[in-house]
N, C-alpha and C. Protein backbone atom coordinates (compact mmCIF):
# COMPACT_ATOMS: atom_id res chain seq x y z
N MET A 1 17.72 15.27 17.32
CA MET A 1 17.54 15.73 15.98
C MET A 1 16.04 15.96 15.73
N LEU A 2 15.70 17.07 15.13
CA LEU A 2 14.30 17.37 14.80
C LEU A 2 14.14 17.32 13.29
N LEU A 3 13.05 16.74 12.84
CA LEU A 3 12.74 16.69 11.43
C LEU A 3 11.61 17.66 11.14
N LEU A 4 11.75 18.41 10.08
CA LEU A 4 10.74 19.39 9.70
C LEU A 4 10.09 18.98 8.39
N TRP A 5 8.80 19.23 8.26
CA TRP A 5 8.10 19.03 7.00
C TRP A 5 6.93 20.00 6.96
N LYS A 6 6.43 20.22 5.77
CA LYS A 6 5.34 21.18 5.60
C LYS A 6 4.04 20.42 5.41
N GLU A 7 3.06 20.75 6.23
CA GLU A 7 1.75 20.11 6.14
C GLU A 7 0.70 21.20 6.15
N GLU A 8 -0.08 21.27 5.07
CA GLU A 8 -1.12 22.28 4.92
C GLU A 8 -0.56 23.68 5.15
N GLY A 9 0.65 23.93 4.60
CA GLY A 9 1.24 25.25 4.66
C GLY A 9 1.86 25.61 6.00
N ILE A 10 1.85 24.70 6.96
CA ILE A 10 2.38 24.98 8.30
C ILE A 10 3.58 24.06 8.53
N MET A 11 4.70 24.63 8.98
CA MET A 11 5.87 23.83 9.28
C MET A 11 5.62 23.00 10.54
N GLN A 12 5.89 21.71 10.46
CA GLN A 12 5.71 20.80 11.58
C GLN A 12 7.09 20.28 11.99
N GLU A 13 7.23 19.88 13.25
CA GLU A 13 8.48 19.26 13.67
C GLU A 13 8.22 18.11 14.63
N GLN A 14 9.04 17.09 14.51
CA GLN A 14 8.98 15.93 15.38
C GLN A 14 10.40 15.44 15.59
N SER A 15 10.63 14.77 16.69
CA SER A 15 11.95 14.18 16.91
C SER A 15 12.12 12.98 16.00
N LYS A 16 13.37 12.64 15.71
CA LYS A 16 13.65 11.50 14.84
C LYS A 16 13.06 10.22 15.45
N THR A 17 13.15 10.06 16.76
CA THR A 17 12.60 8.88 17.43
C THR A 17 11.10 8.80 17.23
N GLU A 18 10.41 9.93 17.35
CA GLU A 18 8.96 9.98 17.17
C GLU A 18 8.59 9.62 15.73
N VAL A 19 9.33 10.15 14.78
CA VAL A 19 9.06 9.86 13.37
C VAL A 19 9.29 8.37 13.10
N ASN A 20 10.40 7.82 13.59
CA ASN A 20 10.69 6.40 13.38
C ASN A 20 9.58 5.53 13.95
N GLU A 21 9.10 5.87 15.13
CA GLU A 21 8.04 5.09 15.78
C GLU A 21 6.74 5.18 14.97
N ASN A 22 6.41 6.36 14.47
CA ASN A 22 5.19 6.53 13.67
C ASN A 22 5.27 5.75 12.36
N VAL A 23 6.43 5.78 11.71
CA VAL A 23 6.60 5.04 10.46
C VAL A 23 6.50 3.54 10.74
N LYS A 24 7.10 3.08 11.83
CA LYS A 24 7.02 1.67 12.21
C LYS A 24 5.57 1.26 12.42
N LYS A 25 4.78 2.09 13.12
CA LYS A 25 3.37 1.80 13.34
C LYS A 25 2.61 1.74 12.02
N SER A 26 2.96 2.63 11.09
CA SER A 26 2.31 2.64 9.78
C SER A 26 2.58 1.36 9.01
N ILE A 27 3.82 0.90 9.05
CA ILE A 27 4.18 -0.34 8.35
C ILE A 27 3.43 -1.53 8.95
N ILE A 28 3.36 -1.58 10.27
CA ILE A 28 2.62 -2.66 10.95
C ILE A 28 1.14 -2.59 10.59
N ALA A 29 0.57 -1.37 10.54
CA ALA A 29 -0.84 -1.21 10.20
C ALA A 29 -1.13 -1.71 8.78
N ILE A 30 -0.22 -1.43 7.84
CA ILE A 30 -0.40 -1.91 6.47
C ILE A 30 -0.37 -3.44 6.46
N GLY A 31 0.58 -4.03 7.17
CA GLY A 31 0.67 -5.49 7.25
C GLY A 31 -0.60 -6.10 7.83
N GLN A 32 -1.11 -5.50 8.90
CA GLN A 32 -2.34 -6.02 9.51
C GLN A 32 -3.51 -5.93 8.53
N GLU A 33 -3.60 -4.83 7.81
CA GLU A 33 -4.70 -4.66 6.86
C GLU A 33 -4.57 -5.65 5.70
N LEU A 34 -3.35 -5.89 5.23
CA LEU A 34 -3.15 -6.88 4.16
C LEU A 34 -3.55 -8.28 4.62
N ILE A 35 -3.23 -8.62 5.86
CA ILE A 35 -3.62 -9.92 6.40
C ILE A 35 -5.14 -10.04 6.46
N LYS A 36 -5.82 -8.97 6.90
CA LYS A 36 -7.28 -8.99 6.97
C LYS A 36 -7.90 -9.18 5.59
N ARG A 37 -7.29 -8.59 4.57
CA ARG A 37 -7.84 -8.62 3.21
C ARG A 37 -7.28 -9.75 2.35
N ALA A 38 -6.46 -10.61 2.90
CA ALA A 38 -5.77 -11.64 2.11
C ALA A 38 -6.73 -12.49 1.29
N ASP A 39 -7.82 -12.94 1.89
CA ASP A 39 -8.78 -13.77 1.15
C ASP A 39 -9.36 -13.01 -0.04
N ASP A 40 -9.73 -11.76 0.17
CA ASP A 40 -10.31 -10.95 -0.90
C ASP A 40 -9.28 -10.66 -1.99
N ILE A 41 -8.06 -10.33 -1.59
CA ILE A 41 -7.01 -10.00 -2.55
C ILE A 41 -6.68 -11.20 -3.42
N THR A 42 -6.65 -12.39 -2.83
CA THR A 42 -6.25 -13.58 -3.57
C THR A 42 -7.42 -14.32 -4.21
N ASN A 43 -8.61 -13.74 -4.12
CA ASN A 43 -9.77 -14.35 -4.75
C ASN A 43 -9.64 -14.26 -6.27
N ASP A 44 -9.78 -15.40 -6.94
CA ASP A 44 -9.78 -15.47 -8.41
C ASP A 44 -8.52 -14.86 -9.03
N LEU A 45 -7.41 -15.53 -8.88
CA LEU A 45 -6.14 -15.06 -9.44
C LEU A 45 -5.80 -15.72 -10.78
N LYS A 46 -6.79 -16.34 -11.41
CA LYS A 46 -6.55 -17.11 -12.64
C LYS A 46 -5.81 -16.29 -13.71
N PHE A 47 -6.23 -15.07 -13.95
CA PHE A 47 -5.62 -14.27 -15.01
C PHE A 47 -4.78 -13.11 -14.46
N VAL A 48 -4.46 -13.15 -13.18
CA VAL A 48 -3.65 -12.07 -12.59
C VAL A 48 -2.18 -12.36 -12.86
N ASP A 49 -1.51 -11.39 -13.49
CA ASP A 49 -0.09 -11.51 -13.80
C ASP A 49 0.75 -11.18 -12.56
N ASN A 50 0.36 -10.12 -11.83
CA ASN A 50 1.06 -9.74 -10.60
C ASN A 50 0.18 -8.83 -9.77
N ILE A 51 0.56 -8.67 -8.53
CA ILE A 51 -0.15 -7.79 -7.61
C ILE A 51 0.85 -6.76 -7.10
N GLU A 52 0.51 -5.48 -7.21
CA GLU A 52 1.38 -4.41 -6.73
C GLU A 52 0.77 -3.82 -5.46
N ILE A 53 1.62 -3.56 -4.49
CA ILE A 53 1.19 -2.88 -3.27
C ILE A 53 2.02 -1.62 -3.15
N TYR A 54 1.34 -0.48 -3.19
CA TYR A 54 1.98 0.81 -3.12
C TYR A 54 1.60 1.47 -1.80
N ALA A 55 2.57 1.98 -1.08
CA ALA A 55 2.29 2.63 0.19
C ALA A 55 2.97 3.99 0.25
N LYS A 56 2.30 4.94 0.86
CA LYS A 56 2.86 6.26 1.08
C LYS A 56 2.84 6.52 2.58
N LEU A 57 4.02 6.65 3.17
CA LEU A 57 4.16 6.88 4.60
C LEU A 57 4.58 8.32 4.84
N THR A 58 3.97 8.96 5.80
CA THR A 58 4.31 10.32 6.17
C THR A 58 4.85 10.32 7.60
N PRO A 59 5.47 11.41 8.03
CA PRO A 59 6.03 11.43 9.39
C PRO A 59 5.01 11.24 10.50
N ASP A 60 3.75 11.46 10.22
CA ASP A 60 2.74 11.20 11.25
C ASP A 60 2.13 9.82 10.99
N GLU A 61 1.07 9.48 11.65
CA GLU A 61 0.52 8.12 11.55
C GLU A 61 -0.45 7.92 10.39
N ILE A 62 -0.65 8.92 9.56
CA ILE A 62 -1.57 8.77 8.43
C ILE A 62 -0.90 7.90 7.38
N THR A 63 -1.56 6.83 7.02
CA THR A 63 -1.01 5.87 6.08
C THR A 63 -1.98 5.65 4.94
N ASN A 64 -1.48 5.74 3.72
CA ASN A 64 -2.28 5.43 2.54
C ASN A 64 -1.60 4.30 1.80
N PHE A 65 -2.39 3.32 1.37
CA PHE A 65 -1.83 2.27 0.52
C PHE A 65 -2.87 1.81 -0.48
N ASP A 66 -2.36 1.23 -1.56
CA ASP A 66 -3.22 0.81 -2.65
C ASP A 66 -2.77 -0.57 -3.10
N ILE A 67 -3.74 -1.40 -3.43
CA ILE A 67 -3.47 -2.74 -3.94
C ILE A 67 -3.98 -2.78 -5.37
N LYS A 68 -3.13 -3.16 -6.28
CA LYS A 68 -3.49 -3.17 -7.70
C LYS A 68 -3.19 -4.55 -8.28
N LYS A 69 -4.19 -5.13 -8.91
CA LYS A 69 -4.00 -6.41 -9.60
C LYS A 69 -3.81 -6.10 -11.09
N ASN A 70 -2.76 -6.63 -11.66
CA ASN A 70 -2.49 -6.47 -13.09
C ASN A 70 -2.84 -7.78 -13.78
N TYR A 71 -3.80 -7.71 -14.69
CA TYR A 71 -4.28 -8.90 -15.38
C TYR A 71 -3.58 -9.07 -16.71
N MET A 72 -3.44 -10.32 -17.13
CA MET A 72 -2.91 -10.59 -18.46
C MET A 72 -4.07 -11.04 -19.34
N ALA A 73 -4.00 -10.64 -20.57
CA ALA A 73 -5.04 -11.01 -21.52
C ALA A 73 -4.58 -12.23 -22.30
N THR A 74 -5.48 -13.13 -22.53
CA THR A 74 -5.17 -14.30 -23.35
C THR A 74 -6.20 -14.39 -24.47
N TYR A 75 -5.72 -14.69 -25.63
CA TYR A 75 -6.59 -14.82 -26.80
C TYR A 75 -6.94 -16.28 -26.98
N GLU A 76 -8.21 -16.56 -27.05
CA GLU A 76 -8.66 -17.92 -27.30
C GLU A 76 -9.31 -17.95 -28.67
N ASP A 77 -8.73 -18.74 -29.54
CA ASP A 77 -9.27 -18.88 -30.89
C ASP A 77 -10.37 -19.92 -30.86
N LYS A 78 -11.59 -19.46 -30.99
CA LYS A 78 -12.74 -20.37 -30.97
C LYS A 78 -13.28 -20.50 -32.39
N GLU A 79 -13.10 -21.67 -32.92
CA GLU A 79 -13.61 -21.92 -34.27
C GLU A 79 -15.08 -22.29 -34.19
N GLU A 80 -15.86 -21.68 -35.06
CA GLU A 80 -17.28 -22.02 -35.10
C GLU A 80 -17.46 -23.27 -35.94
N LYS A 81 -18.29 -24.18 -35.46
CA LYS A 81 -18.52 -25.44 -36.19
C LYS A 81 -19.94 -25.53 -36.65
């Protein structure tokens, strides 16, 4: 089975096995990068409500991912004395 997609206006084709292998490599690469950045990502999570990890995988080995921290706001009522 061949898979077709359009890249920069040119039709590309790869076998399903090749695509599966490339996607698998991309997922592993994202995992490795997250492990490398774990200390930085988890630094100062006091007001972080959640962390989102978004990844875009393409049939080739180009991988893009984004890490987003969503913070919660807390109101502190400070009375002046």
